[in-house]
C-alpha atoms as a PDB file:
ATOM      1  CA  UNK A   1      42.302 -14.330 -29.670  1.00  0.00           C
ATOM      2  CA  UNK A   2      44.671 -14.113 -26.702  1.00  0.00           C
ATOM      3  CA  UNK A   3      44.031 -10.366 -26.526  1.00  0.00           C
ATOM      4  CA  UNK A   4      40.276 -10.964 -26.406  1.00  0.00           C
ATOM      5  CA  UNK A   5      40.697 -13.485 -23.580  1.00  0.00           C
ATOM      6  CA  UNK A   6      42.868 -11.073 -21.584  1.00  0.00           C
ATOM      7  CA  UNK A   7      40.325  -8.290 -21.941  1.00  0.00           C
ATOM      8  CA  UNK A   8      37.538 -10.646 -20.912  1.00  0.00           C
ATOM      9  CA  UNK A   9      39.439 -11.757 -17.793  1.00  0.00           C
ATOM     10  CA  UNK A  10      39.798  -8.116 -16.801  1.00  0.00           C
ATOM     11  CA  UNK A  11      36.196  -7.166 -17.457  1.00  0.00           C
ATOM     12  CA  UNK A  12      34.196 -10.204 -16.345  1.00  0.00           C
ATOM     13  CA  UNK A  13      34.140  -9.290 -12.591  1.00  0.00           C
ATOM     14  CA  UNK A  14      32.567  -5.945 -13.436  1.00  0.00           C
ATOM     15  CA  UNK A  15      30.089  -7.576 -15.801  1.00  0.00           C
ATOM     16  CA  UNK A  16      29.141 -10.072 -13.082  1.00  0.00           C
ATOM     17  CA  UNK A  17      28.609  -7.290 -10.534  1.00  0.00           C
ATOM     18  CA  UNK A  18      26.399  -5.445 -13.009  1.00  0.00           C
ATOM     19  CA  UNK A  19      24.322  -8.536 -13.718  1.00  0.00           C
ATOM     20  CA  UNK A  20      23.868  -9.291 -10.018  1.00  0.00           C
ATOM     21  CA  UNK A  21      22.927  -5.671  -9.276  1.00  0.00           C
ATOM     22  CA  UNK A  22      20.328  -5.676 -12.039  1.00  0.00           C
ATOM     23  CA  UNK A  23      18.928  -8.957 -10.776  1.00  0.00           C
ATOM     24  CA  UNK A  24      18.687  -7.634  -7.202  1.00  0.00           C
ATOM     25  CA  UNK A  25      16.990  -4.457  -8.412  1.00  0.00           C
ATOM     26  CA  UNK A  26      14.531  -6.492 -10.482  1.00  0.00           C
ATOM     27  CA  UNK A  27      13.691  -8.661  -7.470  1.00  0.00           C
ATOM     28  CA  UNK A  28      13.181  -5.561  -5.315  1.00  0.00           C
ATOM     29  CA  UNK A  29      10.916  -3.956  -7.907  1.00  0.00           C
ATOM     30  CA  UNK A  30       8.896  -7.125  -8.329  1.00  0.00           C
ATOM     31  CA  UNK A  31       8.556  -7.444  -4.556  1.00  0.00           C
ATOM     32  CA  UNK A  32       7.244  -3.918  -4.252  1.00  0.00           C
ATOM     33  CA  UNK A  33       4.861  -4.411  -7.138  1.00  0.00           C
ATOM     34  CA  UNK A  34       3.383  -7.508  -5.600  1.00  0.00           C
ATOM     35  CA  UNK A  35       2.938  -6.095  -2.086  1.00  0.00           C
ATOM     36  CA  UNK A  36      -0.718  -5.883  -1.159  1.00  0.00           C
ATOM     37  CA  UNK A  37      -2.406  -2.879   0.421  1.00  0.00           C
ATOM     38  CA  UNK A  38      -2.460  -4.725   3.736  1.00  0.00           C
ATOM     39  CA  UNK A  39       1.282  -5.336   3.516  1.00  0.00           C
ATOM     40  CA  UNK A  40       1.958  -1.674   2.763  1.00  0.00           C
ATOM     41  CA  UNK A  41      -0.226  -0.699   5.725  1.00  0.00           C
ATOM     42  CA  UNK A  42       1.723  -3.030   7.994  1.00  0.00           C
ATOM     43  CA  UNK A  43       5.003  -1.613   6.726  1.00  0.00           C
ATOM     44  CA  UNK A  44       3.776   1.917   7.505  1.00  0.00           C
ATOM     45  CA  UNK A  45       2.649   0.955  10.983  1.00  0.00           C
ATOM     46  CA  UNK A  46       5.872  -0.942  11.716  1.00  0.00           C
ATOM     47  CA  UNK A  47       8.158   1.823  10.473  1.00  0.00           C
ATOM     48  CA  UNK A  48       6.139   4.560  12.199  1.00  0.00           C
ATOM     49  CA  UNK A  49       5.866   2.577  15.417  1.00  0.00           C
ATOM     50  CA  UNK A  50       2.082   2.762  15.652  1.00  0.00           C
ATOM     51  CA  UNK A  51      -0.779   0.321  15.228  1.00  0.00           C
ATOM     52  CA  UNK A  52      -4.403   0.850  14.331  1.00  0.00           C
ATOM     53  CA  UNK A  53      -4.085   4.188  12.573  1.00  0.00           C
ATOM     54  CA  UNK A  54      -7.525   5.523  11.563  1.00  0.00           C
ATOM     55  CA  UNK A  55      -7.803   5.548   7.781  1.00  0.00           C
ATOM     56  CA  UNK A  56     -10.499   5.516   5.095  1.00  0.00           C
ATOM     57  CA  UNK A  57     -11.166   2.440   2.995  1.00  0.00           C
ATOM     58  CA  UNK A  58      -8.907   2.250  -0.004  1.00  0.00           C
ATOM     59  CA  UNK A  59      -6.178   4.526   1.362  1.00  0.00           C
ATOM     60  CA  UNK A  60      -3.079   4.237  -0.807  1.00  0.00           C
ATOM     61  CA  UNK A  61      -0.655   3.072   1.882  1.00  0.00           C
ATOM     62  CA  UNK A  62       2.182   2.767  -0.622  1.00  0.00           C
ATOM     63  CA  UNK A  63       1.897   6.453  -1.490  1.00  0.00           C
ATOM     64  CA  UNK A  64       1.650   7.334   2.195  1.00  0.00           C
ATOM     65  CA  UNK A  65       4.812   5.354   2.902  1.00  0.00           C
ATOM     66  CA  UNK A  66       6.708   7.049   0.087  1.00  0.00           C
ATOM     67  CA  UNK A  67       5.511  10.507   1.205  1.00  0.00           C
ATOM     68  CA  UNK A  68       7.182   9.994   4.615  1.00  0.00           C
ATOM     69  CA  UNK A  69       4.773  12.311   6.469  1.00  0.00           C
ATOM     70  CA  UNK A  70       6.291  11.672   9.895  1.00  0.00           C
ATOM     71  CA  UNK A  71       9.604  12.806  11.290  1.00  0.00           C
ATOM     72  CA  UNK A  72      10.732  15.118   8.490  1.00  0.00           C
ATOM     73  CA  UNK A  73      10.822  18.892   8.407  1.00  0.00           C
ATOM     74  CA  UNK A  74       7.781  20.188   6.510  1.00  0.00           C
ATOM     75  CA  UNK A  75       9.182  23.727   6.176  1.00  0.00           C
ATOM     76  CA  UNK A  76      11.000  24.630   2.990  1.00  0.00           C
ATOM     77  CA  UNK A  77      14.393  26.322   3.094  1.00  0.00           C
ATOM     78  CA  UNK A  78      14.727  26.284   6.901  1.00  0.00           C
ATOM     79  CA  UNK A  79      18.145  28.012   6.941  1.00  0.00           C
ATOM     80  CA  UNK A  80      18.217  30.878   4.400  1.00  0.00           C
ATOM     81  CA  UNK A  81      21.444  32.301   5.819  1.00  0.00           C
ATOM     82  CA  UNK A  82      23.307  29.016   5.262  1.00  0.00           C
ATOM     83  CA  UNK A  83      24.023  28.671   8.984  1.00  0.00           C
ATOM     84  CA  UNK A  84      23.501  25.864  11.505  1.00  0.00           C
ATOM     85  CA  UNK A  85      22.633  25.871  15.182  1.00  0.00           C
ATOM     86  CA  UNK A  86      25.539  23.468  15.673  1.00  0.00           C
ATOM     87  CA  UNK A  87      28.003  26.279  14.918  1.00  0.00           C
ATOM     88  CA  UNK A  88      28.221  29.624  16.677  1.00  0.00           C
ATOM     89  CA  UNK A  89      26.673  32.533  14.780  1.00  0.00           C
ATOM     90  CA  UNK A  90      29.272  34.724  13.072  1.00  0.00           C
ATOM     91  CA  UNK A  91      30.322  37.919  14.795  1.00  0.00           C
ATOM     92  CA  UNK A  92      29.063  41.118  13.157  1.00  0.00           C
ATOM     93  CA  UNK A  93      31.550  42.977  11.011  1.00  0.00           C
ATOM     94  CA  UNK A  94      32.221  46.509  12.260  1.00  0.00           C
ATOM     95  CA  UNK A  95      33.045  49.042   9.514  1.00  0.00           C
ATOM     96  CA  UNK A  96      36.231  51.096   9.891  1.00  0.00           C
ATOM     97  CA  UNK A  97      34.374  54.296   9.036  1.00  0.00           C
ATOM     98  CA  UNK A  98      30.739  55.339   8.615  1.00  0.00           C
ATOM     99  CA  UNK A  99      29.354  54.874   5.119  1.00  0.00           C
ATOM    100  CA  UNK A 100      27.562  57.562   3.179  1.00  0.00           C
ATOM    101  CA  UNK A 101      24.026  57.124   1.942  1.00  0.00           C
ATOM    102  CA  UNK A 102      20.590  56.290   3.276  1.00  0.00           C
ATOM    103  CA  UNK A 103      19.935  53.570   5.881  1.00  0.00           C
ATOM    104  CA  UNK A 104      20.196  49.982   4.668  1.00  0.00           C
ATOM    105  CA  UNK A 105      17.395  47.507   5.377  1.00  0.00           C
ATOM    106  CA  UNK A 106      18.199  44.713   2.894  1.00  0.00           C
ATOM    107  CA  UNK A 107      18.988  41.315   4.381  1.00  0.00           C
ATOM    108  CA  UNK A 108      21.434  38.885   2.821  1.00  0.00           C
ATOM    109  CA  UNK A 109      20.273  35.336   2.170  1.00  0.00           C
ATOM    110  CA  UNK A 110      18.195  33.088  -0.064  1.00  0.00           C
ATOM    111  CA  UNK A 111      14.622  33.372   1.193  1.00  0.00           C
ATOM    112  CA  UNK A 112      12.986  31.198  -1.451  1.00  0.00           C
ATOM    113  CA  UNK A 113      10.025  29.320   0.013  1.00  0.00           C
ATOM    114  CA  UNK A 114       9.277  32.179   2.416  1.00  0.00           C
ATOM    115  CA  UNK A 115       6.963  35.155   2.078  1.00  0.00           C
ATOM    116  CA  UNK A 116       8.934  38.098   3.463  1.00  0.00           C
ATOM    117  CA  UNK A 117       8.122  41.621   4.590  1.00  0.00           C
ATOM    118  CA  UNK A 118      10.114  44.496   6.105  1.00  0.00           C
ATOM    119  CA  UNK A 119       8.516  46.918   8.562  1.00  0.00           C
ATOM    120  CA  UNK A 120      10.715  49.966   9.222  1.00  0.00           C
ATOM    121  CA  UNK A 121      10.060  51.392  12.682  1.00  0.00           C
ATOM    122  CA  UNK A 122      10.128  55.145  13.445  1.00  0.00           C
ATOM    123  CA  UNK A 123      13.126  56.596  15.245  1.00  0.00           C
ATOM    124  CA  UNK A 124      12.877  56.328  19.027  1.00  0.00           C
ATOM    125  CA  UNK A 125      13.531  59.775  20.496  1.00  0.00           C
ATOM    126  CA  UNK A 126      11.842  59.146  23.843  1.00  0.00           C
ATOM    127  CA  UNK A 127      15.090  59.254  25.844  1.00  0.00           C
ATOM    128  CA  UNK A 128      16.541  62.387  24.262  1.00  0.00           C
ATOM    129  CA  UNK A 129      16.258  65.653  26.241  1.00  0.00           C
ATOM    130  CA  UNK A 130      14.489  68.499  24.512  1.00  0.00           C
ATOM    131  CA  UNK A 131      16.891  70.723  22.575  1.00  0.00           C
ATOM    132  CA  UNK A 132      19.702  68.142  22.470  1.00  0.00           C
ATOM    133  CA  UNK A 133      21.603  67.806  19.204  1.00  0.00           C
ATOM    134  CA  UNK A 134      21.845  64.227  17.961  1.00  0.00           C
ATOM    135  CA  UNK A 135      24.200  63.300  15.133  1.00  0.00           C
ATOM    136  CA  UNK A 136      22.751  59.862  14.460  1.00  0.00           C
ATOM    137  CA  UNK A 137      20.165  57.490  15.872  1.00  0.00           C
ATOM    138  CA  UNK A 138      19.755  53.769  15.273  1.00  0.00           C
ATOM    139  CA  UNK A 139      16.690  52.840  13.266  1.00  0.00           C
ATOM    140  CA  UNK A 140      15.075  49.467  13.753  1.00  0.00           C
ATOM    141  CA  UNK A 141      13.044  47.262  11.450  1.00  0.00           C
ATOM    142  CA  UNK A 142      11.183  43.979  11.735  1.00  0.00           C
ATOM    143  CA  UNK A 143      11.854  41.386   9.048  1.00  0.00           C
ATOM    144  CA  UNK A 144       8.960  38.901   8.801  1.00  0.00           C
ATOM    145  CA  UNK A 145       9.090  35.453   7.214  1.00  0.00           C
ATOM    146  CA  UNK A 146       6.121  33.119   6.872  1.00  0.00           C
ATOM    147  CA  UNK A 147       5.102  29.819   5.313  1.00  0.00           C
ATOM    148  CA  UNK A 148       1.902  27.790   5.138  1.00  0.00           C
ATOM    149  CA  UNK A 149       2.228  23.999   5.246  1.00  0.00           C
ATOM    150  CA  UNK A 150      -0.471  21.919   3.519  1.00  0.00           C
ATOM    151  CA  UNK A 151      -0.637  18.804   5.708  1.00  0.00           C
ATOM    152  CA  UNK A 152      -2.616  16.690   3.240  1.00  0.00           C
ATOM    153  CA  UNK A 153      -0.207  17.565   0.448  1.00  0.00           C
ATOM    154  CA  UNK A 154       2.636  16.393   2.713  1.00  0.00           C
ATOM    155  CA  UNK A 155       1.135  12.909   3.020  1.00  0.00           C
ATOM    156  CA  UNK A 156      -1.208  13.126   6.019  1.00  0.00           C
ATOM    157  CA  UNK A 157      -4.913  12.354   5.764  1.00  0.00           C
ATOM    158  CA  UNK A 158      -8.088  13.685   7.358  1.00  0.00           C
ATOM    159  CA  UNK A 159      -8.929  10.738   9.618  1.00  0.00           C
ATOM    160  CA  UNK A 160      -5.410  10.766  11.025  1.00  0.00           C
ATOM    161  CA  UNK A 161      -5.505  14.503  11.736  1.00  0.00           C
ATOM    162  CA  UNK A 162      -9.023  14.451  13.197  1.00  0.00           C
ATOM    163  CA  UNK A 163      -9.020  11.246  15.271  1.00  0.00           C
ATOM    164  CA  UNK A 164      -5.386  10.357  15.964  1.00  0.00           C
ATOM    165  CA  UNK A 165      -4.247  14.018  16.214  1.00  0.00           C
ATOM    166  CA  UNK A 166      -0.496  13.364  15.988  1.00  0.00           C
ATOM    167  CA  UNK A 167       1.854  15.680  17.818  1.00  0.00           C
ATOM    168  CA  UNK A 168       3.002  18.700  15.811  1.00  0.00           C
ATOM    169  CA  UNK A 169       6.412  19.915  16.958  1.00  0.00           C
ATOM    170  CA  UNK A 170       7.618  23.454  16.274  1.00  0.00           C
ATOM    171  CA  UNK A 171      11.263  24.413  16.681  1.00  0.00           C
ATOM    172  CA  UNK A 172      13.244  27.522  15.810  1.00  0.00           C
ATOM    173  CA  UNK A 173      16.652  29.020  16.612  1.00  0.00           C
ATOM    174  CA  UNK A 174      17.395  32.726  16.562  1.00  0.00           C
ATOM    175  CA  UNK A 175      20.596  34.672  17.045  1.00  0.00           C
ATOM    176  CA  UNK A 176      21.118  36.470  20.340  1.00  0.00           C
ATOM    177  CA  UNK A 177      22.117  39.651  18.530  1.00  0.00           C
ATOM    178  CA  UNK A 178      21.445  41.960  21.532  1.00  0.00           C
ATOM    179  CA  UNK A 179      20.341  44.707  19.169  1.00  0.00           C
ATOM    180  CA  UNK A 180      17.360  45.500  21.385  1.00  0.00           C
ATOM    181  CA  UNK A 181      15.298  44.184  24.290  1.00  0.00           C
ATOM    182  CA  UNK A 182      12.908  42.547  21.820  1.00  0.00           C
ATOM    183  CA  UNK A 183      14.483  40.965  18.739  1.00  0.00           C
ATOM    184  CA  UNK A 184      12.341  37.877  18.036  1.00  0.00           C
ATOM    185  CA  UNK A 185       8.664  36.950  17.721  1.00  0.00           C
ATOM    186  CA  UNK A 186       6.991  33.691  16.703  1.00  0.00           C
ATOM    187  CA  UNK A 187       3.363  32.997  15.891  1.00  0.00           C
ATOM    188  CA  UNK A 188       2.189  29.572  14.706  1.00  0.00           C
ATOM    189  CA  UNK A 189      -1.426  28.756  13.849  1.00  0.00           C
ATOM    190  CA  UNK A 190      -3.146  25.447  13.124  1.00  0.00           C
ATOM    191  CA  UNK A 191      -5.727  26.265  10.469  1.00  0.00           C
ATOM    192  CA  UNK A 192      -8.841  24.584   9.109  1.00  0.00           C
ATOM    193  CA  UNK A 193      -9.598  23.681   5.503  1.00  0.00           C
ATOM    194  CA  UNK A 194     -10.507  27.286   4.652  1.00  0.00           C
ATOM    195  CA  UNK A 195      -6.979  28.448   5.655  1.00  0.00           C
ATOM    196  CA  UNK A 196      -8.480  31.114   7.918  1.00  0.00           C
ATOM    197  CA  UNK A 197     -10.225  29.323  10.827  1.00  0.00           C
ATOM    198  CA  UNK A 198      -7.739  29.139  13.718  1.00  0.00           C
ATOM    199  CA  UNK A 199      -8.078  25.860  15.626  1.00  0.00           C
ATOM    200  CA  UNK A 200      -5.008  26.311  17.840  1.00  0.00           C
ATOM    201  CA  UNK A 201      -2.145  28.778  18.033  1.00  0.00           C
ATOM    202  CA  UNK A 202       1.037  29.548  19.923  1.00  0.00           C
ATOM    203  CA  UNK A 203       2.954  32.833  20.223  1.00  0.00           C
ATOM    204  CA  UNK A 204       6.380  33.705  21.627  1.00  0.00           C
ATOM    205  CA  UNK A 205       7.706  37.222  22.295  1.00  0.00           C
ATOM    206  CA  UNK A 206      10.716  36.970  24.624  1.00  0.00           C
ATOM    207  CA  UNK A 207      12.533  39.848  26.310  1.00  0.00           C
ATOM    208  CA  UNK A 208      16.312  39.763  25.968  1.00  0.00           C
ATOM    209  CA  UNK A 209      18.841  40.382  28.739  1.00  0.00           C
ATOM    210  CA  UNK A 210      21.300  42.924  27.349  1.00  0.00           C
ATOM    211  CA  UNK A 211      23.127  43.552  30.657  1.00  0.00           C
ATOM    212  CA  UNK A 212      26.015  41.230  29.712  1.00  0.00           C
ATOM    213  CA  UNK A 213      27.405  40.308  26.307  1.00  0.00           C
ATOM    214  CA  UNK A 214      26.217  37.010  24.927  1.00  0.00           C
ATOM    215  CA  UNK A 215      26.060  35.839  21.341  1.00  0.00           C
ATOM    216  CA  UNK A 216      24.598  32.373  20.849  1.00  0.00           C
ATOM    217  CA  UNK A 217      21.651  30.609  19.236  1.00  0.00           C
ATOM    218  CA  UNK A 218      18.506  30.595  21.359  1.00  0.00           C
ATOM    219  CA  UNK A 219      15.965  27.809  20.981  1.00  0.00           C
ATOM    220  CA  UNK A 220      12.215  28.267  20.759  1.00  0.00           C
ATOM    221  CA  UNK A 221      10.005  25.172  20.677  1.00  0.00           C
ATOM    222  CA  UNK A 222       6.423  24.088  21.217  1.00  0.00           C
ATOM    223  CA  UNK A 223       4.394  20.885  20.885  1.00  0.00           C
ATOM    224  CA  UNK A 224       0.780  21.011  19.701  1.00  0.00           C
ATOM    225  CA  UNK A 225      -1.245  18.116  21.099  1.00  0.00           C
ATOM    226  CA  UNK A 226      -4.926  17.474  21.643  1.00  0.00           C
ATOM    227  CA  UNK A 227      -5.735  20.360  19.337  1.00  0.00           C
ATOM    228  CA  UNK A 228      -9.059  19.020  18.085  1.00  0.00           C
ATOM    229  CA  UNK A 229     -10.340  18.017  14.670  1.00  0.00           C
ATOM    230  CA  UNK A 230     -10.265  19.982  11.458  1.00  0.00           C
ATOM    231  CA  UNK A 231      -6.595  20.930  11.187  1.00  0.00           C
ATOM    232  CA  UNK A 232      -5.419  20.965   7.569  1.00  0.00           C
ATOM    233  CA  UNK A 233      -2.754  23.692   7.428  1.00  0.00           C
ATOM    234  CA  UNK A 234       0.011  25.124   9.605  1.00  0.00           C
ATOM    235  CA  UNK A 235       0.905  28.790   9.311  1.00  0.00           C
ATOM    236  CA  UNK A 236       4.423  29.536  10.574  1.00  0.00           C
ATOM    237  CA  UNK A 237       5.507  33.174  11.024  1.00  0.00           C
ATOM    238  CA  UNK A 238       8.475  34.639  12.810  1.00  0.00           C
ATOM    239  CA  UNK A 239       9.860  38.178  12.955  1.00  0.00           C
ATOM    240  CA  UNK A 240      13.410  39.261  13.717  1.00  0.00           C
ATOM    241  CA  UNK A 241      14.608  42.754  14.485  1.00  0.00           C
ATOM    242  CA  UNK A 242      17.389  44.493  12.592  1.00  0.00           C
ATOM    243  CA  UNK A 243      19.234  47.749  13.183  1.00  0.00           C
ATOM    244  CA  UNK A 244      20.514  50.344  10.742  1.00  0.00           C
ATOM    245  CA  UNK A 245      23.040  52.865  12.034  1.00  0.00           C
ATOM    246  CA  UNK A 246      24.791  55.432   9.798  1.00  0.00           C
ATOM    247  CA  UNK A 247      24.400  53.144   6.775  1.00  0.00           C
ATOM    248  CA  UNK A 248      25.767  50.152   8.696  1.00  0.00           C
ATOM    249  CA  UNK A 249      23.323  47.264   8.912  1.00  0.00           C
ATOM    250  CA  UNK A 250      23.143  44.705  11.723  1.00  0.00           C
ATOM    251  CA  UNK A 251      20.556  41.962  11.721  1.00  0.00           C
ATOM    252  CA  UNK A 252      19.235  39.085  13.773  1.00  0.00           C
ATOM    253  CA  UNK A 253      19.519  35.776  11.976  1.00  0.00           C
ATOM    254  CA  UNK A 254      17.683  32.480  12.408  1.00  0.00           C
ATOM    255  CA  UNK A 255      18.380  28.896  11.437  1.00  0.00           C
ATOM    256  CA  UNK A 256      17.023  25.351  11.453  1.00  0.00           C
ATOM    257  CA  UNK A 257      13.346  26.295  11.686  1.00  0.00           C
ATOM    258  CA  UNK A 258      11.183  23.176  11.633  1.00  0.00           C
ATOM    259  CA  UNK A 259       7.637  21.871  11.671  1.00  0.00           C
ATOM    260  CA  UNK A 260       7.558  18.125  12.292  1.00  0.00           C
ATOM    261  CA  UNK A 261       4.650  15.728  12.735  1.00  0.00           C
ATOM    262  CA  UNK A 262       5.317  12.863  15.158  1.00  0.00           C
ATOM    263  CA  UNK A 263       3.440   9.522  15.061  1.00  0.00           C
ATOM    264  CA  UNK A 264       2.330  10.002  18.665  1.00  0.00           C
ATOM    265  CA  UNK A 265      -1.359   9.974  19.492  1.00  0.00           C
ATOM    266  CA  UNK A 266      -2.484  12.841  21.656  1.00  0.00           C
ATOM    267  CA  UNK A 267      -5.578  13.470  23.703  1.00  0.00           C
ATOM    268  CA  UNK A 268      -7.192  16.749  24.776  1.00  0.00           C
END
């Protein structure tokens, strides 16, 4: 009997904590179950910092709240190389000796969630005098990655997109690899319900300064606002240039790509 009492004295605080936790969870569940549609709508508006959002009758505000359509990145797998803009990109590894074999165009990384494509460019011989003997030339390729975001599937609704037209923020970071004068391109389209009608678009094709060595992340960003009604999808595509030289492969990486919807009403 004394042994049982000793064990109970040791265990009863943990049992009490478990009982209280279960009770708190039960109260929370019951509270959520009893919240009305109007209460869920108010919670959405309070948390999102907006009032009077246009919405159809009978909108499931609880589901909208749980979907968290605002403020989160809608792109999947935004950093396939496992890198972050908060840390400097790694320096390229230089081989001690040229490798044998054909040029390499395969990138390293997990590109799940992206549709990818490699476009190998022809050798550039424009600056070589006629009759000159060239042992090796660099060969360039574009590596394209694209995604299409379904805004309704991410928790947004038609009246919000058509009337409120929340800001859509695009952000991307690419490595200043200095492989060429042009190493990065971005093209983002706001599409209609048919996934082909372009309602608004934005393109970026910067020219790099290769006169002095620099190796950092470079930011690209854009805010869509006042884009008009009918937007249902966002098509995000960027291309980065790589270089193959005597079987050595150097590439331009990217990280922290994002498409974010902000609860900010815009006007044309």
